Amino acid sequence: MIKFTQTALWFGAYRGVVLFCLIALPVVGVGQATGLPAGVEKVCSIKFDKDTKRPARVQDDALPCLKDAVRKLRANPNAKLVLVGQADSVKDHEADENGHMRDTEDPTGLDVRWEDLAAYRSLNTKWYLTRWLGIEPARVLPTTDESIQGQEVTFYLVPGEADFNHNYLDTTKTNERPCTVKPCYSSDEESLKAQPRSRIPETAVKTAGK
């Protein structure tokens, strides 16, 4: 009887440890769980967690990552960049009320609908790379990943044959206007236009690092 009781206690404790470990496991997207495909390199990520009024605006502290991505593209002239935008249903809750009173697109970034937030983040990031850092638009693919909650855009270096039909990450394409990555979307599909911002001064990064 004593031996049975000890065994039962041991089994119960073991089951509790296993259950705790399963509960404690982090929830990750498919890409994170399976690893990156061959030929794909994660470059860096930028955050969108400071400007609650313009939650899709590229922040000043994004500059080091943006410049790192530019260096990678220039060092690999046959490669492309896939941008994966994310939104967080909890942290981005202020965007829940946006956009319900308008039928037209918001060019200001002050009234971005929550369902468009991840797309605008990747699209605005591409706009900055092409407008201020001189990257050819056709080399940057803006996409989103709705399986991951976050307030960021992650940069991936991918082989040069990548396009919206095969971007190596199975993320969702963002229909940018104007279309700069072939094949373009059909004319009856919805599209978004980037929300421009001023160039980030070098001093802003130095100040943020203090």
N, C-alpha and C. Protein backbone atom coordinates (compact mmCIF):
# COMPACT_ATOMS: atom_id res chain seq x y z
N MET A 1 0.83 -1.21 0.00
CA MET A 1 0.00 0.00 0.00
C MET A 1 0.86 1.25 0.00
N ILE A 2 1.95 1.23 0.78
CA ILE A 2 2.84 2.38 0.84
C ILE A 2 3.50 2.61 -0.51
N LYS A 3 3.94 1.48 -1.15
CA LYS A 3 4.60 1.62 -2.45
C LYS A 3 3.64 2.20 -3.47
N PHE A 4 2.40 1.77 -3.47
CA PHE A 4 1.42 2.30 -4.43
C PHE A 4 1.19 3.79 -4.22
N THR A 5 1.11 4.19 -2.96
CA THR A 5 0.88 5.60 -2.66
C THR A 5 2.04 6.46 -3.13
N GLN A 6 3.26 6.00 -2.92
CA GLN A 6 4.43 6.75 -3.37
C GLN A 6 4.47 6.88 -4.88
N THR A 7 4.11 5.77 -5.55
CA THR A 7 4.08 5.81 -7.02
C THR A 7 3.04 6.77 -7.53
N ALA A 8 1.85 6.75 -6.90
CA ALA A 8 0.78 7.66 -7.31
C ALA A 8 1.18 9.11 -7.09
N LEU A 9 1.84 9.37 -5.95
CA LEU A 9 2.28 10.74 -5.68
C LEU A 9 3.31 11.19 -6.71
N TRP A 10 4.24 10.30 -7.04
CA TRP A 10 5.26 10.63 -8.03
C TRP A 10 4.64 10.93 -9.40
N PHE A 11 3.66 10.09 -9.79
CA PHE A 11 3.01 10.28 -11.08
C PHE A 11 2.24 11.60 -11.12
N GLY A 12 1.58 11.92 -10.02
CA GLY A 12 0.83 13.17 -9.95
C GLY A 12 1.74 14.38 -10.07
N ALA A 13 2.89 14.32 -9.39
CA ALA A 13 3.84 15.42 -9.45
C ALA A 13 4.41 15.56 -10.85
N TYR A 14 4.72 14.42 -11.49
CA TYR A 14 5.27 14.45 -12.85
C TYR A 14 4.27 15.06 -13.82
N ARG A 15 2.99 14.64 -13.70
CA ARG A 15 1.95 15.18 -14.57
C ARG A 15 1.79 16.68 -14.38
N GLY A 16 1.94 17.14 -13.15
CA GLY A 16 1.83 18.57 -12.88
C GLY A 16 2.95 19.36 -13.52
N VAL A 17 4.18 18.80 -13.49
CA VAL A 17 5.32 19.47 -14.11
C VAL A 17 5.12 19.56 -15.61
N VAL A 18 4.66 18.47 -16.24
CA VAL A 18 4.43 18.46 -17.69
C VAL A 18 3.37 19.49 -18.08
N LEU A 19 2.29 19.53 -17.30
CA LEU A 19 1.22 20.48 -17.58
C LEU A 19 1.72 21.90 -17.46
N PHE A 20 2.53 22.18 -16.44
CA PHE A 20 3.08 23.53 -16.27
C PHE A 20 3.95 23.92 -17.45
N CYS A 21 4.77 22.99 -17.91
CA CYS A 21 5.67 23.29 -19.04
C CYS A 21 4.87 23.59 -20.31
N LEU A 22 3.78 22.83 -20.52
CA LEU A 22 2.97 23.06 -21.71
C LEU A 22 2.31 24.43 -21.66
N ILE A 23 1.82 24.81 -20.48
CA ILE A 23 1.18 26.11 -20.33
C ILE A 23 2.18 27.24 -20.51
N ALA A 24 3.42 27.02 -20.05
CA ALA A 24 4.43 28.08 -20.08
C ALA A 24 5.06 28.28 -21.45
N LEU A 25 4.82 27.33 -22.39
CA LEU A 25 5.43 27.46 -23.70
C LEU A 25 4.93 28.72 -24.40
N PRO A 26 5.83 29.51 -25.03
CA PRO A 26 5.40 30.72 -25.73
C PRO A 26 4.61 30.39 -26.98
N VAL A 27 3.66 31.26 -27.32
CA VAL A 27 2.89 31.09 -28.55
C VAL A 27 3.64 31.81 -29.67
N VAL A 28 3.97 31.08 -30.72
CA VAL A 28 4.74 31.65 -31.82
C VAL A 28 4.04 31.38 -33.13
N GLY A 29 4.36 32.17 -34.12
CA GLY A 29 3.80 31.98 -35.45
C GLY A 29 4.45 30.80 -36.14
N VAL A 30 3.88 30.42 -37.29
CA VAL A 30 4.38 29.26 -38.00
C VAL A 30 5.83 29.46 -38.41
N GLY A 31 6.16 30.64 -38.93
CA GLY A 31 7.52 30.90 -39.37
C GLY A 31 8.53 30.79 -38.25
N GLN A 32 8.17 31.26 -37.06
CA GLN A 32 9.08 31.18 -35.92
C GLN A 32 9.27 29.74 -35.48
N ALA A 33 8.17 28.96 -35.51
CA ALA A 33 8.24 27.61 -34.99
C ALA A 33 9.04 26.68 -35.90
N THR A 34 8.94 26.86 -37.22
CA THR A 34 9.57 25.95 -38.16
C THR A 34 10.94 26.41 -38.61
N GLY A 35 11.35 27.64 -38.27
CA GLY A 35 12.62 28.14 -38.72
C GLY A 35 12.51 28.77 -40.09
N LEU A 36 13.57 29.45 -40.51
CA LEU A 36 13.54 30.16 -41.79
C LEU A 36 13.93 29.24 -42.94
N PRO A 37 13.36 29.45 -44.11
CA PRO A 37 13.74 28.66 -45.28
C PRO A 37 15.18 28.93 -45.68
N ALA A 38 15.74 28.02 -46.44
CA ALA A 38 17.11 28.19 -46.93
C ALA A 38 17.20 29.45 -47.78
N GLY A 39 18.25 30.21 -47.58
CA GLY A 39 18.46 31.42 -48.35
C GLY A 39 17.79 32.66 -47.78
N VAL A 40 17.10 32.51 -46.63
CA VAL A 40 16.42 33.63 -45.99
C VAL A 40 17.16 34.02 -44.71
N GLU A 41 17.38 35.30 -44.53
CA GLU A 41 18.09 35.81 -43.34
C GLU A 41 17.28 36.90 -42.66
N LYS A 42 17.07 36.75 -41.36
CA LYS A 42 16.42 37.82 -40.61
C LYS A 42 17.44 38.92 -40.37
N VAL A 43 17.07 40.14 -40.73
CA VAL A 43 17.99 41.27 -40.60
C VAL A 43 17.81 41.98 -39.27
N CYS A 44 16.59 42.45 -38.99
CA CYS A 44 16.31 43.20 -37.77
C CYS A 44 14.82 43.49 -37.70
N SER A 45 14.39 44.15 -36.63
CA SER A 45 12.99 44.55 -36.48
C SER A 45 12.93 45.98 -35.97
N ILE A 46 11.84 46.67 -36.31
CA ILE A 46 11.61 48.01 -35.78
C ILE A 46 10.28 48.03 -35.03
N LYS A 47 10.19 48.86 -34.01
CA LYS A 47 9.02 48.93 -33.16
C LYS A 47 8.09 50.08 -33.57
N PHE A 48 6.81 49.89 -33.23
CA PHE A 48 5.79 50.92 -33.43
C PHE A 48 5.00 51.04 -32.12
N ASP A 49 5.69 51.39 -31.07
CA ASP A 49 5.07 51.33 -29.74
C ASP A 49 5.07 52.67 -28.99
N LYS A 50 5.46 53.75 -29.66
CA LYS A 50 5.57 55.03 -28.96
C LYS A 50 4.49 56.04 -29.36
N ASP A 51 4.15 56.10 -30.63
CA ASP A 51 3.23 57.12 -31.14
C ASP A 51 1.82 56.53 -31.23
N THR A 52 1.03 56.68 -30.19
CA THR A 52 -0.32 56.11 -30.19
C THR A 52 -1.27 56.86 -31.12
N LYS A 53 -0.97 58.11 -31.42
CA LYS A 53 -1.82 58.87 -32.33
C LYS A 53 -1.59 58.47 -33.79
N ARG A 54 -0.35 58.11 -34.11
CA ARG A 54 0.00 57.66 -35.46
C ARG A 54 0.69 56.30 -35.35
N PRO A 55 -0.06 55.25 -35.08
CA PRO A 55 0.53 53.95 -34.74
C PRO A 55 1.23 53.23 -35.89
N ALA A 56 1.10 53.74 -37.12
CA ALA A 56 1.79 53.12 -38.24
C ALA A 56 2.97 53.96 -38.74
N ARG A 57 3.26 55.04 -38.04
CA ARG A 57 4.36 55.93 -38.46
C ARG A 57 5.71 55.34 -38.05
N VAL A 58 6.66 55.34 -38.97
CA VAL A 58 8.00 54.84 -38.68
C VAL A 58 8.64 55.74 -37.62
N GLN A 59 9.08 55.14 -36.53
CA GLN A 59 9.62 55.90 -35.41
C GLN A 59 11.08 56.30 -35.66
N ASP A 60 11.52 57.33 -34.94
CA ASP A 60 12.89 57.80 -35.08
C ASP A 60 13.91 56.71 -34.73
N ASP A 61 13.58 55.88 -33.72
CA ASP A 61 14.55 54.87 -33.30
C ASP A 61 14.65 53.70 -34.27
N ALA A 62 13.92 53.76 -35.39
CA ALA A 62 14.02 52.72 -36.41
C ALA A 62 15.24 52.89 -37.31
N LEU A 63 15.87 54.05 -37.25
CA LEU A 63 16.93 54.37 -38.22
C LEU A 63 18.07 53.35 -38.26
N PRO A 64 18.62 52.88 -37.14
CA PRO A 64 19.70 51.90 -37.23
C PRO A 64 19.31 50.63 -37.99
N CYS A 65 18.12 50.12 -37.75
CA CYS A 65 17.66 48.93 -38.46
C CYS A 65 17.46 49.22 -39.94
N LEU A 66 16.87 50.36 -40.26
CA LEU A 66 16.67 50.74 -41.66
C LEU A 66 18.01 50.80 -42.41
N LYS A 67 19.00 51.40 -41.78
CA LYS A 67 20.31 51.53 -42.42
C LYS A 67 21.00 50.18 -42.53
N ASP A 68 20.78 49.31 -41.56
CA ASP A 68 21.35 47.97 -41.61
C ASP A 68 20.75 47.20 -42.79
N ALA A 69 19.45 47.33 -42.99
CA ALA A 69 18.80 46.66 -44.11
C ALA A 69 19.32 47.18 -45.45
N VAL A 70 19.56 48.48 -45.53
CA VAL A 70 20.11 49.07 -46.75
C VAL A 70 21.50 48.50 -47.03
N ARG A 71 22.32 48.40 -45.99
CA ARG A 71 23.67 47.82 -46.19
C ARG A 71 23.58 46.39 -46.70
N LYS A 72 22.64 45.62 -46.17
CA LYS A 72 22.48 44.23 -46.60
C LYS A 72 22.07 44.17 -48.08
N LEU A 73 21.15 45.03 -48.49
CA LEU A 73 20.70 45.02 -49.88
C LEU A 73 21.82 45.44 -50.83
N ARG A 74 22.60 46.44 -50.42
CA ARG A 74 23.67 46.90 -51.29
C ARG A 74 24.82 45.89 -51.37
N ALA A 75 25.01 45.13 -50.30
CA ALA A 75 26.04 44.09 -50.31
C ALA A 75 25.58 42.84 -51.07
N ASN A 76 24.27 42.72 -51.27
CA ASN A 76 23.71 41.57 -51.99
C ASN A 76 22.79 42.08 -53.10
N PRO A 77 23.36 42.52 -54.20
CA PRO A 77 22.58 43.20 -55.25
C PRO A 77 21.50 42.34 -55.89
N ASN A 78 21.58 41.02 -55.73
CA ASN A 78 20.56 40.15 -56.31
C ASN A 78 19.47 39.76 -55.32
N ALA A 79 19.55 40.26 -54.10
CA ALA A 79 18.59 39.90 -53.06
C ALA A 79 17.46 40.92 -52.99
N LYS A 80 16.41 40.53 -52.29
CA LYS A 80 15.27 41.42 -52.02
C LYS A 80 15.00 41.43 -50.52
N LEU A 81 14.10 42.31 -50.14
CA LEU A 81 13.76 42.47 -48.73
C LEU A 81 12.25 42.23 -48.57
N VAL A 82 11.90 41.34 -47.65
CA VAL A 82 10.49 41.14 -47.30
C VAL A 82 10.26 41.78 -45.94
N LEU A 83 9.28 42.67 -45.87
CA LEU A 83 8.91 43.33 -44.62
C LEU A 83 7.64 42.67 -44.10
N VAL A 84 7.67 42.24 -42.85
CA VAL A 84 6.52 41.55 -42.26
C VAL A 84 5.94 42.43 -41.14
N GLY A 85 4.80 43.05 -41.40
CA GLY A 85 4.16 43.91 -40.42
C GLY A 85 3.25 43.14 -39.49
N GLN A 86 3.17 43.63 -38.25
CA GLN A 86 2.32 43.01 -37.24
C GLN A 86 1.52 44.09 -36.51
N ALA A 87 0.41 43.67 -35.93
CA ALA A 87 -0.39 44.52 -35.04
C ALA A 87 -0.76 43.70 -33.82
N ASP A 88 -1.03 44.40 -32.73
CA ASP A 88 -1.36 43.74 -31.46
C ASP A 88 -2.76 44.15 -31.03
N SER A 89 -3.64 43.17 -30.89
CA SER A 89 -5.04 43.47 -30.58
C SER A 89 -5.21 44.10 -29.21
N VAL A 90 -4.25 43.91 -28.31
CA VAL A 90 -4.32 44.49 -26.97
C VAL A 90 -3.60 45.83 -26.91
N LYS A 91 -2.34 45.84 -27.30
CA LYS A 91 -1.54 47.06 -27.20
C LYS A 91 -1.96 48.13 -28.20
N ASP A 92 -2.54 47.71 -29.31
CA ASP A 92 -3.00 48.68 -30.31
C ASP A 92 -4.49 48.94 -30.19
N HIS A 93 -5.02 48.79 -28.99
CA HIS A 93 -6.47 48.89 -28.79
C HIS A 93 -7.04 50.26 -29.16
N GLU A 94 -6.21 51.30 -29.11
CA GLU A 94 -6.72 52.64 -29.41
C GLU A 94 -7.15 52.78 -30.87
N ALA A 95 -6.62 51.90 -31.72
CA ALA A 95 -6.98 51.94 -33.14
C ALA A 95 -8.34 51.29 -33.41
N ASP A 96 -8.93 50.64 -32.41
CA ASP A 96 -10.22 49.96 -32.60
C ASP A 96 -11.31 50.92 -33.06
N GLU A 97 -11.24 52.15 -32.60
CA GLU A 97 -12.29 53.12 -32.92
C GLU A 97 -12.01 53.91 -34.19
N ASN A 98 -10.87 53.69 -34.80
CA ASN A 98 -10.48 54.49 -35.97
C ASN A 98 -11.22 54.07 -37.23
N GLY A 99 -11.44 55.04 -38.08
CA GLY A 99 -11.88 54.77 -39.44
C GLY A 99 -13.35 54.47 -39.64
N HIS A 100 -14.15 54.44 -38.58
CA HIS A 100 -15.56 54.05 -38.74
C HIS A 100 -16.42 55.17 -39.32
N MET A 101 -15.92 56.38 -39.28
CA MET A 101 -16.73 57.52 -39.73
C MET A 101 -16.29 58.03 -41.11
N ARG A 102 -15.47 57.27 -41.83
CA ARG A 102 -15.02 57.74 -43.14
C ARG A 102 -15.10 56.61 -44.16
N ASP A 103 -15.27 56.97 -45.41
CA ASP A 103 -15.33 56.01 -46.50
C ASP A 103 -14.06 56.06 -47.35
N THR A 104 -13.28 57.12 -47.20
CA THR A 104 -12.07 57.28 -48.00
C THR A 104 -10.84 56.91 -47.17
N GLU A 105 -9.72 56.76 -47.87
CA GLU A 105 -8.47 56.40 -47.19
C GLU A 105 -7.94 57.57 -46.38
N ASP A 106 -7.29 57.24 -45.26
CA ASP A 106 -6.71 58.26 -44.39
C ASP A 106 -5.25 58.50 -44.77
N PRO A 107 -4.91 59.68 -45.32
CA PRO A 107 -3.53 59.94 -45.72
C PRO A 107 -2.64 60.44 -44.57
N THR A 108 -3.25 60.75 -43.43
CA THR A 108 -2.51 61.39 -42.35
C THR A 108 -1.86 60.40 -41.37
N GLY A 109 -2.41 59.19 -41.29
CA GLY A 109 -1.93 58.24 -40.29
C GLY A 109 -2.56 58.40 -38.94
N LEU A 110 -3.48 59.35 -38.81
CA LEU A 110 -4.12 59.63 -37.52
C LEU A 110 -5.42 58.85 -37.33
N ASP A 111 -5.91 58.20 -38.39
CA ASP A 111 -7.20 57.51 -38.31
C ASP A 111 -7.11 56.13 -38.99
N VAL A 112 -6.03 55.41 -38.72
CA VAL A 112 -5.81 54.11 -39.34
C VAL A 112 -6.71 53.06 -38.70
N ARG A 113 -7.46 52.35 -39.51
CA ARG A 113 -8.28 51.25 -39.00
C ARG A 113 -7.37 50.13 -38.47
N TRP A 114 -7.83 49.47 -37.40
CA TRP A 114 -7.00 48.42 -36.80
C TRP A 114 -6.70 47.31 -37.80
N GLU A 115 -7.66 46.95 -38.62
CA GLU A 115 -7.45 45.86 -39.57
C GLU A 115 -6.43 46.21 -40.65
N ASP A 116 -6.13 47.51 -40.82
CA ASP A 116 -5.13 47.94 -41.81
C ASP A 116 -3.79 48.26 -41.18
N LEU A 117 -3.70 48.16 -39.87
CA LEU A 117 -2.53 48.68 -39.15
C LEU A 117 -1.24 47.96 -39.53
N ALA A 118 -1.26 46.63 -39.54
CA ALA A 118 -0.05 45.87 -39.88
C ALA A 118 0.40 46.17 -41.31
N ALA A 119 -0.57 46.30 -42.22
CA ALA A 119 -0.24 46.60 -43.61
C ALA A 119 0.38 47.97 -43.75
N TYR A 120 -0.19 48.96 -43.07
CA TYR A 120 0.38 50.31 -43.14
C TYR A 120 1.79 50.34 -42.53
N ARG A 121 2.02 49.57 -41.50
CA ARG A 121 3.36 49.56 -40.90
C ARG A 121 4.40 49.06 -41.89
N SER A 122 4.10 47.98 -42.59
CA SER A 122 5.06 47.48 -43.58
C SER A 122 5.17 48.41 -44.77
N LEU A 123 4.04 48.98 -45.18
CA LEU A 123 4.04 49.87 -46.34
C LEU A 123 4.77 51.17 -46.05
N ASN A 124 4.56 51.75 -44.88
CA ASN A 124 5.26 52.98 -44.52
C ASN A 124 6.75 52.75 -44.36
N THR A 125 7.11 51.55 -43.89
CA THR A 125 8.53 51.21 -43.78
C THR A 125 9.17 51.13 -45.16
N LYS A 126 8.48 50.51 -46.11
CA LYS A 126 9.00 50.46 -47.48
C LYS A 126 9.14 51.87 -48.05
N TRP A 127 8.13 52.71 -47.82
CA TRP A 127 8.19 54.08 -48.34
C TRP A 127 9.44 54.79 -47.83
N TYR A 128 9.73 54.62 -46.55
CA TYR A 128 10.91 55.30 -46.01
C TYR A 128 12.19 54.77 -46.67
N LEU A 129 12.29 53.47 -46.84
CA LEU A 129 13.48 52.88 -47.47
C LEU A 129 13.68 53.40 -48.89
N THR A 130 12.60 53.54 -49.62
CA THR A 130 12.72 53.96 -51.02
C THR A 130 12.86 55.47 -51.16
N ARG A 131 12.13 56.22 -50.35
CA ARG A 131 12.14 57.68 -50.47
C ARG A 131 13.41 58.31 -49.91
N TRP A 132 13.82 57.88 -48.73
CA TRP A 132 14.92 58.56 -48.04
C TRP A 132 16.24 57.80 -48.10
N LEU A 133 16.21 56.50 -48.35
CA LEU A 133 17.46 55.73 -48.34
C LEU A 133 17.80 55.15 -49.71
N GLY A 134 17.01 55.49 -50.72
CA GLY A 134 17.39 55.21 -52.10
C GLY A 134 17.28 53.77 -52.57
N ILE A 135 16.47 52.95 -51.91
CA ILE A 135 16.32 51.56 -52.34
C ILE A 135 15.29 51.47 -53.46
N GLU A 136 15.58 50.66 -54.46
CA GLU A 136 14.66 50.47 -55.58
C GLU A 136 13.36 49.83 -55.07
N PRO A 137 12.20 50.41 -55.37
CA PRO A 137 10.93 49.88 -54.85
C PRO A 137 10.68 48.41 -55.16
N ALA A 138 11.11 47.95 -56.33
CA ALA A 138 10.85 46.57 -56.72
C ALA A 138 11.59 45.55 -55.86
N ARG A 139 12.55 46.02 -55.06
CA ARG A 139 13.33 45.11 -54.23
C ARG A 139 12.76 44.96 -52.82
N VAL A 140 11.65 45.60 -52.54
CA VAL A 140 11.08 45.56 -51.19
C VAL A 140 9.63 45.10 -51.26
N LEU A 141 9.31 44.00 -50.57
CA LEU A 141 7.97 43.44 -50.59
C LEU A 141 7.30 43.67 -49.23
N PRO A 142 6.31 44.55 -49.15
CA PRO A 142 5.59 44.76 -47.90
C PRO A 142 4.53 43.67 -47.69
N THR A 143 4.56 43.01 -46.53
CA THR A 143 3.62 41.94 -46.23
C THR A 143 3.18 42.03 -44.77
N THR A 144 2.25 41.16 -44.37
CA THR A 144 1.81 41.09 -42.98
C THR A 144 1.73 39.64 -42.53
N ASP A 145 1.76 39.44 -41.21
CA ASP A 145 1.58 38.11 -40.62
C ASP A 145 0.59 38.24 -39.48
N GLU A 146 -0.64 37.82 -39.72
CA GLU A 146 -1.69 37.96 -38.71
C GLU A 146 -1.64 36.86 -37.66
N SER A 147 -0.76 35.88 -37.83
CA SER A 147 -0.65 34.80 -36.85
C SER A 147 0.20 35.21 -35.64
N ILE A 148 0.87 36.37 -35.74
CA ILE A 148 1.73 36.84 -34.66
C ILE A 148 1.24 38.19 -34.17
N GLN A 149 1.12 38.33 -32.86
CA GLN A 149 0.74 39.61 -32.26
C GLN A 149 2.00 40.43 -31.98
N GLY A 150 2.02 41.68 -32.38
CA GLY A 150 3.19 42.50 -32.14
C GLY A 150 2.98 43.91 -32.66
N GLN A 151 3.89 44.79 -32.30
CA GLN A 151 3.87 46.18 -32.78
C GLN A 151 5.17 46.45 -33.51
N GLU A 152 5.41 45.71 -34.56
CA GLU A 152 6.71 45.85 -35.23
C GLU A 152 6.63 45.43 -36.68
N VAL A 153 7.71 45.72 -37.38
CA VAL A 153 7.96 45.22 -38.72
C VAL A 153 9.30 44.53 -38.70
N THR A 154 9.34 43.30 -39.19
CA THR A 154 10.58 42.53 -39.23
C THR A 154 11.09 42.47 -40.67
N PHE A 155 12.40 42.62 -40.84
CA PHE A 155 13.06 42.66 -42.14
C PHE A 155 13.72 41.31 -42.42
N TYR A 156 13.45 40.75 -43.60
CA TYR A 156 14.08 39.49 -44.01
C TYR A 156 14.74 39.68 -45.37
N LEU A 157 15.98 39.26 -45.48
CA LEU A 157 16.67 39.24 -46.77
C LEU A 157 16.35 37.92 -47.45
N VAL A 158 15.86 37.98 -48.69
CA VAL A 158 15.42 36.78 -49.40
C VAL A 158 16.04 36.75 -50.80
N PRO A 159 16.05 35.58 -51.45
CA PRO A 159 16.60 35.50 -52.80
C PRO A 159 15.88 36.42 -53.78
N GLY A 160 16.59 36.82 -54.81
CA GLY A 160 16.10 37.83 -55.74
C GLY A 160 14.89 37.45 -56.55
N GLU A 161 14.59 36.15 -56.68
CA GLU A 161 13.42 35.75 -57.46
C GLU A 161 12.12 35.86 -56.68
N ALA A 162 12.20 36.29 -55.45
CA ALA A 162 10.99 36.43 -54.62
C ALA A 162 10.01 37.42 -55.24
N ASP A 163 8.73 37.10 -55.16
CA ASP A 163 7.68 38.04 -55.56
C ASP A 163 6.47 37.77 -54.67
N PHE A 164 5.34 38.40 -54.99
CA PHE A 164 4.17 38.25 -54.13
C PHE A 164 3.53 36.87 -54.24
N ASN A 165 3.85 36.11 -55.29
CA ASN A 165 3.35 34.75 -55.39
C ASN A 165 4.19 33.78 -54.57
N HIS A 166 5.45 34.13 -54.36
CA HIS A 166 6.35 33.29 -53.58
C HIS A 166 7.38 34.19 -52.90
N ASN A 167 7.12 34.54 -51.64
CA ASN A 167 8.04 35.45 -50.95
C ASN A 167 8.91 34.74 -49.92
N TYR A 168 8.87 33.39 -49.91
CA TYR A 168 9.70 32.53 -49.05
C TYR A 168 9.21 32.46 -47.60
N LEU A 169 8.29 33.33 -47.21
CA LEU A 169 7.84 33.35 -45.81
C LEU A 169 6.35 33.05 -45.67
N ASP A 170 5.65 32.92 -46.78
CA ASP A 170 4.20 32.65 -46.78
C ASP A 170 3.42 33.71 -46.01
N THR A 171 3.89 34.92 -46.02
CA THR A 171 3.16 36.01 -45.39
C THR A 171 2.22 36.65 -46.41
N THR A 172 1.30 37.48 -45.93
CA THR A 172 0.25 38.04 -46.79
C THR A 172 0.72 39.33 -47.45
N LYS A 173 0.60 39.41 -48.74
CA LYS A 173 1.04 40.60 -49.47
C LYS A 173 0.20 41.81 -49.10
N THR A 174 0.81 42.97 -49.18
CA THR A 174 0.11 44.24 -49.02
C THR A 174 -0.01 44.90 -50.39
N ASN A 175 -1.21 45.15 -50.80
CA ASN A 175 -1.44 45.81 -52.10
C ASN A 175 -1.11 47.29 -51.98
N GLU A 176 0.07 47.65 -52.43
CA GLU A 176 0.52 49.04 -52.35
C GLU A 176 0.07 49.80 -53.59
N ARG A 177 -0.15 51.08 -53.39
CA ARG A 177 -0.53 51.95 -54.52
C ARG A 177 0.44 53.12 -54.60
N PRO A 178 1.19 53.26 -55.69
CA PRO A 178 1.15 52.43 -56.90
C PRO A 178 1.87 51.10 -56.71
N CYS A 179 1.52 50.13 -57.55
CA CYS A 179 2.14 48.81 -57.50
C CYS A 179 3.57 48.89 -58.04
N THR A 180 4.52 48.38 -57.26
CA THR A 180 5.93 48.41 -57.70
C THR A 180 6.56 47.02 -57.71
N VAL A 181 5.81 46.00 -57.27
CA VAL A 181 6.31 44.63 -57.24
C VAL A 181 5.39 43.77 -58.10
N LYS A 182 5.97 43.08 -59.09
CA LYS A 182 5.18 42.24 -59.98
C LYS A 182 5.02 40.84 -59.36
N PRO A 183 3.92 40.15 -59.68
CA PRO A 183 2.77 40.62 -60.45
C PRO A 183 1.89 41.55 -59.63
N CYS A 184 1.32 42.54 -60.28
CA CYS A 184 0.45 43.48 -59.59
C CYS A 184 -0.92 42.86 -59.31
N TYR A 185 -1.60 43.41 -58.35
CA TYR A 185 -2.94 42.96 -58.01
C TYR A 185 -3.93 43.41 -59.08
N SER A 186 -5.08 42.78 -59.10
CA SER A 186 -6.10 43.15 -60.08
C SER A 186 -6.74 44.47 -59.67
N SER A 187 -7.34 45.15 -60.62
CA SER A 187 -7.87 46.49 -60.40
C SER A 187 -9.04 46.51 -59.43
N ASP A 188 -9.70 45.38 -59.21
CA ASP A 188 -10.85 45.35 -58.32
C ASP A 188 -10.47 45.04 -56.86
N GLU A 189 -9.18 44.82 -56.60
CA GLU A 189 -8.72 44.58 -55.23
C GLU A 189 -8.44 45.89 -54.52
N GLU A 190 -8.64 45.88 -53.20
CA GLU A 190 -8.34 47.06 -52.41
C GLU A 190 -6.82 47.27 -52.32
N SER A 191 -6.41 48.53 -52.23
CA SER A 191 -4.99 48.84 -52.11
C SER A 191 -4.82 50.01 -51.15
N LEU A 192 -3.59 50.17 -50.66
CA LEU A 192 -3.28 51.23 -49.70
C LEU A 192 -2.11 52.07 -50.22
N LYS A 193 -2.12 53.33 -49.87
CA LYS A 193 -1.03 54.24 -50.23
C LYS A 193 -0.28 54.63 -48.96
N ALA A 194 1.04 54.63 -49.04
CA ALA A 194 1.88 54.92 -47.87
C ALA A 194 1.60 56.31 -47.33
N GLN A 195 1.83 56.45 -46.03
CA GLN A 195 1.66 57.74 -45.35
C GLN A 195 3.06 58.32 -45.10
N PRO A 196 3.48 59.30 -45.88
CA PRO A 196 4.85 59.82 -45.81
C PRO A 196 5.17 60.45 -44.45
N ARG A 197 6.45 60.45 -44.14
CA ARG A 197 6.95 61.17 -42.97
C ARG A 197 8.26 61.85 -43.36
N SER A 198 8.68 62.79 -42.52
CA SER A 198 9.94 63.50 -42.77
C SER A 198 11.12 62.56 -42.52
N ARG A 199 12.28 62.97 -43.02
CA ARG A 199 13.48 62.17 -42.83
C ARG A 199 13.91 62.21 -41.36
N ILE A 200 14.33 61.06 -40.85
CA ILE A 200 14.76 60.97 -39.46
C ILE A 200 16.15 61.58 -39.33
N PRO A 201 16.33 62.58 -38.49
CA PRO A 201 17.66 63.18 -38.32
C PRO A 201 18.59 62.24 -37.55
N GLU A 202 19.86 62.27 -37.89
CA GLU A 202 20.84 61.44 -37.19
C GLU A 202 20.88 61.76 -35.70
N THR A 203 20.63 62.99 -35.37
CA THR A 203 20.66 63.41 -33.96
C THR A 203 19.57 62.75 -33.14
N ALA A 204 18.47 62.39 -33.79
CA ALA A 204 17.37 61.74 -33.07
C ALA A 204 17.80 60.40 -32.53
N VAL A 205 18.60 59.65 -33.30
CA VAL A 205 19.07 58.35 -32.86
C VAL A 205 20.07 58.50 -31.73
N LYS A 206 20.95 59.49 -31.83
CA LYS A 206 21.93 59.71 -30.78
C LYS A 206 21.26 60.10 -29.47
N THR A 207 20.21 60.91 -29.58
CA THR A 207 19.48 61.33 -28.39
C THR A 207 18.76 60.16 -27.74
N ALA A 208 18.19 59.29 -28.57
CA ALA A 208 17.47 58.13 -28.04
C ALA A 208 18.40 57.16 -27.35
N GLY A 209 19.66 57.13 -27.79
CA GLY A 209 20.62 56.20 -27.22
C GLY A 209 21.20 56.63 -25.90
N LYS A 210 20.95 57.85 -25.47
CA LYS A 210 21.50 58.36 -24.22
C LYS A 210 20.78 57.77 -23.03
